[in-house]
Amino acid sequence: MLWRSALTLSLIDKVDFHVHVAERYPHNYSVEEVIREAESRGLSYMTLTDHWRPYDPDPCTFLWERREIDRIKTKVKVFLSAEVDIVDSEGHSPVKPLLHKEVIEAMDYLSAASHLGEPWTCEYDKSRIHMNKLEIIEYEHKKHLSILRNEMFDVVLHPYGSTVAWLYREGYAKTFSLKEIPEVYLREFAEYAALYGKGVEINNVPLAAEKEGVKGYERITEGYETFIRILLEKGAKLTIGSDCHYCDKHWHWPGWTEEAVQIIKRCGGSDEDLWLPKGIR
């Protein structure tokens, strides 16, 4: 029996546009195993979205993923994207259109995210330069707006997640809540997202972490509800992502989106508010 029933669930319940394949240490799953897992859980659409970082030696992993997607027969519509790391407030990234022409052409679309403040990023040292709370927020806000203005990217992944992580690490915030971001910034972001037709991800990780009682994730729901209501009010389109790195059946798997789906519905969102890749509406 399928984990999800097509008879009782709408499209919003059956999409996952943020699934990692090539970064599952210490697990070792193939593209096909991830796709079969998505099938068993009743997904209709899924996107493979591995990281594209400045220090990654070779983005040709994406070409391998493209070949695998094209080879595997499945009822799930599988898209290929990348979680491109934006490295400064001017919107620079490791993607070079001329150098990476073949890789870009293999993609169905590109996604982008800020990871400043997280220890594994190339920008971590920069984030350790002392800045006050407002300076951090303004820097990160400019970075997010640069993604929205960039024609190369269609989706913004976990917006302001890196911002609150930085604030939390510096002691400016007690939790990872989006309530730390002034509403005026969230409104400007939502207006840009609607204007440029970008998809804005509602990432399941912090919502599930709050549900599990993970320290630092208290009151996450409150901040997310405010942000989602603003996005819907401004007419921005939403995407849903598990940010799955591990098929461990408890904490990560393709379609691990229940909390994100529930909060979108609670805020009045529906299938009509979903961002979808071109050609599938």
C-alpha atoms as a PDB file:
ATOM      1  CA  MET A   1       0.000   0.000   0.000  1.00  0.00           C
ATOM      2  CA  LEU A   2       1.333   3.446  -0.896  1.00  0.00           C
ATOM      3  CA  TRP A   3       2.281   5.838   1.861  1.00  0.00           C
ATOM      4  CA  ARG A   4       0.259   8.547   0.064  1.00  0.00           C
ATOM      5  CA  SER A   5      -3.115   8.025  -1.545  1.00  0.00           C
ATOM      6  CA  ALA A   6      -3.846   9.874  -4.781  1.00  0.00           C
ATOM      7  CA  LEU A   7      -7.575   9.581  -3.980  1.00  0.00           C
ATOM      8  CA  THR A   8      -7.396  11.684  -0.832  1.00  0.00           C
ATOM      9  CA  LEU A   9      -4.450  14.059  -1.362  1.00  0.00           C
ATOM     10  CA  SER A  10      -4.069  17.108  -3.583  1.00  0.00           C
ATOM     11  CA  LEU A  11      -0.990  18.024  -5.603  1.00  0.00           C
ATOM     12  CA  ILE A  12       0.499  20.074  -2.776  1.00  0.00           C
ATOM     13  CA  ASP A  13       0.813  16.830  -0.785  1.00  0.00           C
ATOM     14  CA  LYS A  14       2.659  15.023  -3.579  1.00  0.00           C
ATOM     15  CA  VAL A  15       5.589  17.238  -4.526  1.00  0.00           C
ATOM     16  CA  ASP A  16       9.132  17.545  -3.213  1.00  0.00           C
ATOM     17  CA  PHE A  17      11.358  20.012  -5.023  1.00  0.00           C
ATOM     18  CA  HIS A  18      14.447  19.684  -2.798  1.00  0.00           C
ATOM     19  CA  VAL A  19      16.027  16.223  -2.644  1.00  0.00           C
ATOM     20  CA  HIS A  20      19.774  15.530  -2.420  1.00  0.00           C
ATOM     21  CA  VAL A  21      21.339  12.447  -3.982  1.00  0.00           C
ATOM     22  CA  ALA A  22      25.120  12.847  -4.139  1.00  0.00           C
ATOM     23  CA  GLU A  23      25.548  13.927  -0.486  1.00  0.00           C
ATOM     24  CA  ARG A  24      24.263  11.207   1.747  1.00  0.00           C
ATOM     25  CA  TYR A  25      27.312  10.294   3.868  1.00  0.00           C
ATOM     26  CA  PRO A  26      27.480   7.781   5.468  1.00  0.00           C
ATOM     27  CA  HIS A  27      24.657   6.279   3.394  1.00  0.00           C
ATOM     28  CA  ASN A  28      25.130   5.159  -0.188  1.00  0.00           C
ATOM     29  CA  TYR A  29      21.943   5.421  -2.219  1.00  0.00           C
ATOM     30  CA  SER A  30      21.733   5.605  -5.980  1.00  0.00           C
ATOM     31  CA  VAL A  31      19.520   7.925  -8.015  1.00  0.00           C
ATOM     32  CA  GLU A  32      17.307   4.955  -8.805  1.00  0.00           C
ATOM     33  CA  GLU A  33      16.863   4.035  -5.147  1.00  0.00           C
ATOM     34  CA  VAL A  34      15.813   7.600  -4.323  1.00  0.00           C
ATOM     35  CA  ILE A  35      13.336   7.574  -7.214  1.00  0.00           C
ATOM     36  CA  ARG A  36      11.901   4.222  -6.128  1.00  0.00           C
ATOM     37  CA  GLU A  37      11.514   5.608  -2.604  1.00  0.00           C
ATOM     38  CA  ALA A  38       9.606   8.569  -4.052  1.00  0.00           C
ATOM     39  CA  GLU A  39       7.372   6.165  -5.977  1.00  0.00           C
ATOM     40  CA  SER A  40       6.591   4.150  -2.853  1.00  0.00           C
ATOM     41  CA  ARG A  41       5.571   7.336  -1.062  1.00  0.00           C
ATOM     42  CA  GLY A  42       3.192   8.430  -3.809  1.00  0.00           C
ATOM     43  CA  LEU A  43       5.013  11.509  -5.092  1.00  0.00           C
ATOM     44  CA  SER A  44       3.950  13.005  -8.426  1.00  0.00           C
ATOM     45  CA  TYR A  45       6.864  15.446  -8.853  1.00  0.00           C
ATOM     46  CA  MET A  46      10.372  15.464  -7.387  1.00  0.00           C
ATOM     47  CA  THR A  47      13.515  17.484  -8.040  1.00  0.00           C
ATOM     48  CA  LEU A  48      17.083  16.311  -7.467  1.00  0.00           C
ATOM     49  CA  THR A  49      18.834  19.376  -6.073  1.00  0.00           C
ATOM     50  CA  ASP A  50      22.427  18.709  -5.061  1.00  0.00           C
ATOM     51  CA  HIS A  51      24.740  21.495  -3.914  1.00  0.00           C
ATOM     52  CA  TRP A  52      26.774  23.543  -6.373  1.00  0.00           C
ATOM     53  CA  ARG A  53      29.376  25.259  -4.208  1.00  0.00           C
ATOM     54  CA  PRO A  54      32.392  27.430  -5.086  1.00  0.00           C
ATOM     55  CA  TYR A  55      34.840  24.798  -3.844  1.00  0.00           C
ATOM     56  CA  ASP A  56      33.207  21.794  -5.523  1.00  0.00           C
ATOM     57  CA  PRO A  57      35.857  20.377  -7.850  1.00  0.00           C
ATOM     58  CA  ASP A  58      33.559  19.406 -10.714  1.00  0.00           C
ATOM     59  CA  PRO A  59      29.836  20.059 -11.347  1.00  0.00           C
ATOM     60  CA  CYS A  60      29.754  17.177 -13.862  1.00  0.00           C
ATOM     61  CA  THR A  61      27.968  15.117 -11.186  1.00  0.00           C
ATOM     62  CA  PHE A  62      24.859  16.819 -12.532  1.00  0.00           C
ATOM     63  CA  LEU A  63      25.466  15.329 -15.994  1.00  0.00           C
ATOM     64  CA  TRP A  64      25.525  11.860 -14.430  1.00  0.00           C
ATOM     65  CA  GLU A  65      22.266  12.618 -12.628  1.00  0.00           C
ATOM     66  CA  ARG A  66      20.714  13.784 -15.902  1.00  0.00           C
ATOM     67  CA  ARG A  67      21.619  10.503 -17.592  1.00  0.00           C
ATOM     68  CA  GLU A  68      20.193   8.521 -14.678  1.00  0.00           C
ATOM     69  CA  ILE A  69      16.921  10.465 -14.700  1.00  0.00           C
ATOM     70  CA  ASP A  70      16.527   9.896 -18.428  1.00  0.00           C
ATOM     71  CA  ARG A  71      17.347   6.199 -18.095  1.00  0.00           C
ATOM     72  CA  ILE A  72      15.019   5.263 -15.234  1.00  0.00           C
ATOM     73  CA  LYS A  73      11.412   4.471 -16.054  1.00  0.00           C
ATOM     74  CA  THR A  74       9.085   5.823 -13.371  1.00  0.00           C
ATOM     75  CA  LYS A  75       5.642   7.322 -12.866  1.00  0.00           C
ATOM     76  CA  VAL A  76       7.225  10.139 -10.853  1.00  0.00           C
ATOM     77  CA  LYS A  77       8.125  13.203 -12.923  1.00  0.00           C
ATOM     78  CA  VAL A  78      11.721  13.828 -11.863  1.00  0.00           C
ATOM     79  CA  PHE A  79      13.384  17.183 -12.505  1.00  0.00           C
ATOM     80  CA  LEU A  80      17.045  18.128 -12.239  1.00  0.00           C
ATOM     81  CA  SER A  81      18.160  21.314 -10.504  1.00  0.00           C
ATOM     82  CA  ALA A  82      21.042  22.451  -8.301  1.00  0.00           C
ATOM     83  CA  GLU A  83      21.235  24.262  -4.996  1.00  0.00           C
ATOM     84  CA  VAL A  84      23.607  26.993  -6.132  1.00  0.00           C
ATOM     85  CA  ASP A  85      25.473  28.748  -3.332  1.00  0.00           C
ATOM     86  CA  ILE A  86      25.284  32.554  -3.543  1.00  0.00           C
ATOM     87  CA  VAL A  87      28.527  33.870  -2.106  1.00  0.00           C
ATOM     88  CA  ASP A  88      27.970  37.604  -1.531  1.00  0.00           C
ATOM     89  CA  SER A  89      25.379  40.360  -1.440  1.00  0.00           C
ATOM     90  CA  GLU A  90      26.030  41.097  -5.125  1.00  0.00           C
ATOM     91  CA  GLY A  91      24.709  37.670  -6.082  1.00  0.00           C
ATOM     92  CA  HIS A  92      27.907  36.043  -7.326  1.00  0.00           C
ATOM     93  CA  SER A  93      27.881  32.267  -7.625  1.00  0.00           C
ATOM     94  CA  PRO A  94      30.118  29.419  -8.858  1.00  0.00           C
ATOM     95  CA  VAL A  95      28.002  29.062 -12.013  1.00  0.00           C
ATOM     96  CA  LYS A  96      29.806  30.375 -15.103  1.00  0.00           C
ATOM     97  CA  PRO A  97      27.401  30.372 -18.079  1.00  0.00           C
ATOM     98  CA  LEU A  98      30.074  29.888 -20.745  1.00  0.00           C
ATOM     99  CA  LEU A  99      32.269  27.435 -18.851  1.00  0.00           C
ATOM    100  CA  HIS A 100      29.305  25.396 -17.578  1.00  0.00           C
ATOM    101  CA  LYS A 101      27.102  25.592 -20.666  1.00  0.00           C
ATOM    102  CA  GLU A 102      26.647  21.800 -20.960  1.00  0.00           C
ATOM    103  CA  VAL A 103      25.764  21.414 -17.291  1.00  0.00           C
ATOM    104  CA  ILE A 104      23.277  24.295 -17.357  1.00  0.00           C
ATOM    105  CA  GLU A 105      21.593  22.860 -20.446  1.00  0.00           C
ATOM    106  CA  ALA A 106      21.178  19.539 -18.618  1.00  0.00           C
ATOM    107  CA  MET A 107      19.175  21.277 -15.880  1.00  0.00           C
ATOM    108  CA  ASP A 108      15.413  21.713 -15.907  1.00  0.00           C
ATOM    109  CA  TYR A 109      15.899  24.847 -13.820  1.00  0.00           C
ATOM    110  CA  LEU A 110      18.325  26.280 -11.262  1.00  0.00           C
ATOM    111  CA  SER A 111      17.685  26.984  -7.595  1.00  0.00           C
ATOM    112  CA  ALA A 112      19.798  29.174  -5.325  1.00  0.00           C
ATOM    113  CA  ALA A 113      20.375  29.632  -1.610  1.00  0.00           C
ATOM    114  CA  SER A 114      22.410  31.532   0.933  1.00  0.00           C
ATOM    115  CA  HIS A 115      24.431  29.463   3.408  1.00  0.00           C
ATOM    116  CA  LEU A 116      26.397  32.211   5.112  1.00  0.00           C
ATOM    117  CA  GLY A 117      26.925  31.472   8.772  1.00  0.00           C
ATOM    118  CA  GLU A 118      27.084  27.708   8.369  1.00  0.00           C
ATOM    119  CA  PRO A 119      30.561  26.291   9.222  1.00  0.00           C
ATOM    120  CA  TRP A 120      30.998  24.222   6.047  1.00  0.00           C
ATOM    121  CA  THR A 121      30.677  27.192   3.660  1.00  0.00           C
ATOM    122  CA  CYS A 122      33.462  29.135   2.000  1.00  0.00           C
ATOM    123  CA  GLU A 123      31.937  32.317   3.455  1.00  0.00           C
ATOM    124  CA  TYR A 124      32.131  31.153   7.043  1.00  0.00           C
ATOM    125  CA  ASP A 125      35.254  33.211   7.804  1.00  0.00           C
ATOM    126  CA  LYS A 126      33.547  36.305   6.411  1.00  0.00           C
ATOM    127  CA  SER A 127      30.572  35.694   8.677  1.00  0.00           C
ATOM    128  CA  ARG A 128      32.904  35.702  11.673  1.00  0.00           C
ATOM    129  CA  ILE A 129      33.729  39.381  11.146  1.00  0.00           C
ATOM    130  CA  HIS A 130      31.874  41.226  13.880  1.00  0.00           C
ATOM    131  CA  MET A 131      28.617  42.726  12.697  1.00  0.00           C
ATOM    132  CA  ASN A 132      25.645  43.828  14.733  1.00  0.00           C
ATOM    133  CA  LYS A 133      22.244  42.224  14.331  1.00  0.00           C
ATOM    134  CA  LEU A 134      20.866  44.743  11.833  1.00  0.00           C
ATOM    135  CA  GLU A 135      24.043  44.639   9.712  1.00  0.00           C
ATOM    136  CA  ILE A 136      23.757  40.854   9.435  1.00  0.00           C
ATOM    137  CA  ILE A 137      20.097  41.042   8.453  1.00  0.00           C
ATOM    138  CA  GLU A 138      20.709  43.783   5.875  1.00  0.00           C
ATOM    139  CA  TYR A 139      23.642  41.920   4.321  1.00  0.00           C
ATOM    140  CA  GLU A 140      21.620  38.725   4.021  1.00  0.00           C
ATOM    141  CA  HIS A 141      18.554  40.591   2.764  1.00  0.00           C
ATOM    142  CA  LYS A 142      20.550  42.120  -0.106  1.00  0.00           C
ATOM    143  CA  LYS A 143      21.851  38.650  -0.898  1.00  0.00           C
ATOM    144  CA  HIS A 144      18.332  37.229  -1.121  1.00  0.00           C
ATOM    145  CA  LEU A 145      17.104  40.075  -3.324  1.00  0.00           C
ATOM    146  CA  SER A 146      20.055  39.457  -5.656  1.00  0.00           C
ATOM    147  CA  ILE A 147      18.797  35.893  -6.189  1.00  0.00           C
ATOM    148  CA  LEU A 148      15.318  37.144  -7.037  1.00  0.00           C
ATOM    149  CA  ARG A 149      16.691  39.616  -9.596  1.00  0.00           C
ATOM    150  CA  ASN A 150      18.913  37.020 -11.281  1.00  0.00           C
ATOM    151  CA  GLU A 151      17.330  35.556 -14.432  1.00  0.00           C
ATOM    152  CA  MET A 152      19.416  32.391 -14.072  1.00  0.00           C
ATOM    153  CA  PHE A 153      17.518  31.224 -10.966  1.00  0.00           C
ATOM    154  CA  ASP A 154      13.892  30.135 -10.694  1.00  0.00           C
ATOM    155  CA  VAL A 155      13.659  29.097  -7.042  1.00  0.00           C
ATOM    156  CA  VAL A 156      14.965  30.457  -3.729  1.00  0.00           C
ATOM    157  CA  LEU A 157      15.663  27.670  -1.240  1.00  0.00           C
ATOM    158  CA  HIS A 158      15.159  28.064   2.546  1.00  0.00           C
ATOM    159  CA  PRO A 159      15.070  31.894   2.451  1.00  0.00           C
ATOM    160  CA  TYR A 160      16.554  33.586   5.525  1.00  0.00           C
ATOM    161  CA  GLY A 161      17.442  30.218   7.036  1.00  0.00           C
ATOM    162  CA  SER A 162      21.120  31.135   6.924  1.00  0.00           C
ATOM    163  CA  THR A 163      20.318  34.565   8.372  1.00  0.00           C
ATOM    164  CA  VAL A 164      18.705  33.245  11.527  1.00  0.00           C
ATOM    165  CA  ALA A 165      21.448  30.599  11.832  1.00  0.00           C
ATOM    166  CA  TRP A 166      24.038  33.380  11.846  1.00  0.00           C
ATOM    167  CA  LEU A 167      22.035  35.424  14.389  1.00  0.00           C
ATOM    168  CA  TYR A 168      21.646  32.373  16.604  1.00  0.00           C
ATOM    169  CA  ARG A 169      25.348  31.556  16.489  1.00  0.00           C
ATOM    170  CA  GLU A 170      26.296  35.133  17.394  1.00  0.00           C
ATOM    171  CA  GLY A 171      23.876  35.212  20.316  1.00  0.00           C
ATOM    172  CA  TYR A 172      21.526  37.742  18.728  1.00  0.00           C
ATOM    173  CA  ALA A 173      18.650  35.245  18.660  1.00  0.00           C
ATOM    174  CA  LYS A 174      17.494  32.504  21.009  1.00  0.00           C
ATOM    175  CA  THR A 175      15.952  30.388  18.233  1.00  0.00           C
ATOM    176  CA  PHE A 176      16.089  29.946  14.445  1.00  0.00           C
ATOM    177  CA  SER A 177      12.700  31.656  14.093  1.00  0.00           C
ATOM    178  CA  LEU A 178      11.957  33.916  11.118  1.00  0.00           C
ATOM    179  CA  LYS A 179      10.403  36.301  13.663  1.00  0.00           C
ATOM    180  CA  GLU A 180      13.948  37.652  13.947  1.00  0.00           C
ATOM    181  CA  ILE A 181      13.617  39.136  10.432  1.00  0.00           C
ATOM    182  CA  PRO A 182      11.784  42.498  10.421  1.00  0.00           C
ATOM    183  CA  GLU A 183       8.479  42.252   8.577  1.00  0.00           C
ATOM    184  CA  VAL A 184       9.436  45.080   6.237  1.00  0.00           C
ATOM    185  CA  TYR A 185      12.234  42.885   4.826  1.00  0.00           C
ATOM    186  CA  LEU A 186       9.911  39.895   4.424  1.00  0.00           C
ATOM    187  CA  ARG A 187       7.400  42.062   2.580  1.00  0.00           C
ATOM    188  CA  GLU A 188      10.025  43.441   0.204  1.00  0.00           C
ATOM    189  CA  PHE A 189      11.267  39.905  -0.454  1.00  0.00           C
ATOM    190  CA  ALA A 190       7.709  38.721  -1.193  1.00  0.00           C
ATOM    191  CA  GLU A 191       7.096  41.639  -3.561  1.00  0.00           C
ATOM    192  CA  TYR A 192      10.295  40.854  -5.486  1.00  0.00           C
ATOM    193  CA  ALA A 193       9.425  37.145  -5.627  1.00  0.00           C
ATOM    194  CA  ALA A 194       5.994  37.918  -7.087  1.00  0.00           C
ATOM    195  CA  LEU A 195       7.371  40.519  -9.502  1.00  0.00           C
ATOM    196  CA  TYR A 196      10.075  38.223 -10.896  1.00  0.00           C
ATOM    197  CA  GLY A 197       7.940  35.069 -10.811  1.00  0.00           C
ATOM    198  CA  LYS A 198      10.278  33.103  -8.525  1.00  0.00           C
ATOM    199  CA  GLY A 199       9.342  30.079  -6.468  1.00  0.00           C
ATOM    200  CA  VAL A 200       9.910  30.474  -2.729  1.00  0.00           C
ATOM    201  CA  GLU A 201      10.618  27.288  -0.812  1.00  0.00           C
ATOM    202  CA  ILE A 202       8.873  26.365   2.410  1.00  0.00           C
ATOM    203  CA  ASN A 203      11.512  24.058   3.828  1.00  0.00           C
ATOM    204  CA  ASN A 204      10.329  21.214   6.036  1.00  0.00           C
ATOM    205  CA  VAL A 205      13.485  20.847   8.147  1.00  0.00           C
ATOM    206  CA  PRO A 206      12.951  23.604  10.761  1.00  0.00           C
ATOM    207  CA  LEU A 207       9.254  22.810  11.096  1.00  0.00           C
ATOM    208  CA  ALA A 208       9.965  19.122  11.658  1.00  0.00           C
ATOM    209  CA  ALA A 209      12.785  20.010  14.077  1.00  0.00           C
ATOM    210  CA  GLU A 210      10.356  22.077  16.147  1.00  0.00           C
ATOM    211  CA  LYS A 211       7.936  19.154  16.208  1.00  0.00           C
ATOM    212  CA  GLU A 212      10.742  16.835  17.354  1.00  0.00           C
ATOM    213  CA  GLY A 213      11.724  19.243  20.136  1.00  0.00           C
ATOM    214  CA  VAL A 214      15.203  20.043  18.800  1.00  0.00           C
ATOM    215  CA  LYS A 215      16.907  22.799  20.807  1.00  0.00           C
ATOM    216  CA  GLY A 216      16.938  26.153  19.021  1.00  0.00           C
ATOM    217  CA  TYR A 217      13.855  25.431  16.955  1.00  0.00           C
ATOM    218  CA  GLU A 218      11.274  26.651  19.426  1.00  0.00           C
ATOM    219  CA  ARG A 219       8.459  28.868  18.035  1.00  0.00           C
ATOM    220  CA  ILE A 220       9.451  28.174  14.429  1.00  0.00           C
ATOM    221  CA  THR A 221       5.831  27.832  13.327  1.00  0.00           C
ATOM    222  CA  GLU A 222       4.932  31.377  14.373  1.00  0.00           C
ATOM    223  CA  GLY A 223       7.597  32.963  12.183  1.00  0.00           C
ATOM    224  CA  TYR A 224       6.830  30.706   9.225  1.00  0.00           C
ATOM    225  CA  GLU A 225       3.117  31.506   9.380  1.00  0.00           C
ATOM    226  CA  THR A 226       3.854  35.231   9.234  1.00  0.00           C
ATOM    227  CA  PHE A 227       6.176  34.769   6.250  1.00  0.00           C
ATOM    228  CA  ILE A 228       3.816  32.460   4.341  1.00  0.00           C
ATOM    229  CA  ARG A 229       0.843  34.780   4.824  1.00  0.00           C
ATOM    230  CA  ILE A 230       2.911  37.674   3.466  1.00  0.00           C
ATOM    231  CA  LEU A 231       4.016  35.613   0.458  1.00  0.00           C
ATOM    232  CA  LEU A 232       0.424  34.607  -0.320  1.00  0.00           C
ATOM    233  CA  GLU A 233      -0.813  38.157   0.174  1.00  0.00           C
ATOM    234  CA  LYS A 234       1.739  39.473  -2.340  1.00  0.00           C
ATOM    235  CA  GLY A 235       0.955  36.721  -4.868  1.00  0.00           C
ATOM    236  CA  ALA A 236       4.277  34.895  -4.650  1.00  0.00           C
ATOM    237  CA  LYS A 237       4.365  31.213  -5.607  1.00  0.00           C
ATOM    238  CA  LEU A 238       5.541  28.588  -3.133  1.00  0.00           C
ATOM    239  CA  THR A 239       7.581  25.433  -3.513  1.00  0.00           C
ATOM    240  CA  ILE A 240       7.836  22.652  -0.957  1.00  0.00           C
ATOM    241  CA  GLY A 241      11.052  20.850  -0.073  1.00  0.00           C
ATOM    242  CA  SER A 242      12.105  18.092   2.290  1.00  0.00           C
ATOM    243  CA  ASP A 243      15.790  19.056   1.933  1.00  0.00           C
ATOM    244  CA  CYS A 244      16.301  15.301   2.159  1.00  0.00           C
ATOM    245  CA  HIS A 245      19.945  14.209   2.415  1.00  0.00           C
ATOM    246  CA  TYR A 246      19.393  10.765   3.895  1.00  0.00           C
ATOM    247  CA  CYS A 247      16.871   7.994   3.294  1.00  0.00           C
ATOM    248  CA  ASP A 248      16.868   6.935   6.933  1.00  0.00           C
ATOM    249  CA  LYS A 249      13.063   6.510   7.137  1.00  0.00           C
ATOM    250  CA  HIS A 250      12.851   8.611  10.308  1.00  0.00           C
ATOM    251  CA  TRP A 251      14.330  12.027   9.737  1.00  0.00           C
ATOM    252  CA  HIS A 252      14.873  12.327   5.958  1.00  0.00           C
ATOM    253  CA  TRP A 253      13.226  10.834   2.906  1.00  0.00           C
ATOM    254  CA  PRO A 254      11.809  12.050  -0.430  1.00  0.00           C
ATOM    255  CA  GLY A 255       8.392  13.490   0.325  1.00  0.00           C
ATOM    256  CA  TRP A 256       9.254  14.351   3.958  1.00  0.00           C
ATOM    257  CA  THR A 257       7.096  17.497   3.684  1.00  0.00           C
ATOM    258  CA  GLU A 258       4.127  16.978   5.995  1.00  0.00           C
ATOM    259  CA  GLU A 259       4.783  19.920   8.319  1.00  0.00           C
ATOM    260  CA  ALA A 260       5.430  22.315   5.415  1.00  0.00           C
ATOM    261  CA  VAL A 261       2.241  21.222   3.651  1.00  0.00           C
ATOM    262  CA  GLN A 262       0.169  21.587   6.805  1.00  0.00           C
ATOM    263  CA  ILE A 263       1.360  25.108   7.559  1.00  0.00           C
ATOM    264  CA  ILE A 264       0.770  26.261   3.969  1.00  0.00           C
ATOM    265  CA  LYS A 265      -2.794  24.929   4.095  1.00  0.00           C
ATOM    266  CA  ARG A 266      -3.336  26.519   7.509  1.00  0.00           C
ATOM    267  CA  CYS A 267      -2.320  29.884   6.032  1.00  0.00           C
ATOM    268  CA  GLY A 268      -4.855  29.477   3.224  1.00  0.00           C
ATOM    269  CA  GLY A 269      -2.517  28.141   0.557  1.00  0.00           C
ATOM    270  CA  SER A 270      -3.536  25.502  -1.988  1.00  0.00           C
ATOM    271  CA  ASP A 271      -2.441  23.885  -5.242  1.00  0.00           C
ATOM    272  CA  GLU A 272      -3.033  27.218  -6.992  1.00  0.00           C
ATOM    273  CA  ASP A 273      -0.265  28.823  -4.951  1.00  0.00           C
ATOM    274  CA  LEU A 274       2.357  26.256  -5.950  1.00  0.00           C
ATOM    275  CA  TRP A 275       5.280  27.163  -8.169  1.00  0.00           C
ATOM    276  CA  LEU A 276       5.744  24.402 -10.720  1.00  0.00           C
ATOM    277  CA  PRO A 277       8.446  23.893 -13.372  1.00  0.00           C
ATOM    278  CA  LYS A 278       7.448  25.020 -16.837  1.00  0.00           C
ATOM    279  CA  GLY A 279       5.204  22.749 -18.836  1.00  0.00           C
ATOM    280  CA  ILE A 280       3.411  20.876 -16.046  1.00  0.00           C
ATOM    281  CA  ARG A 281       0.547  23.172 -15.075  1.00  0.00           C
END
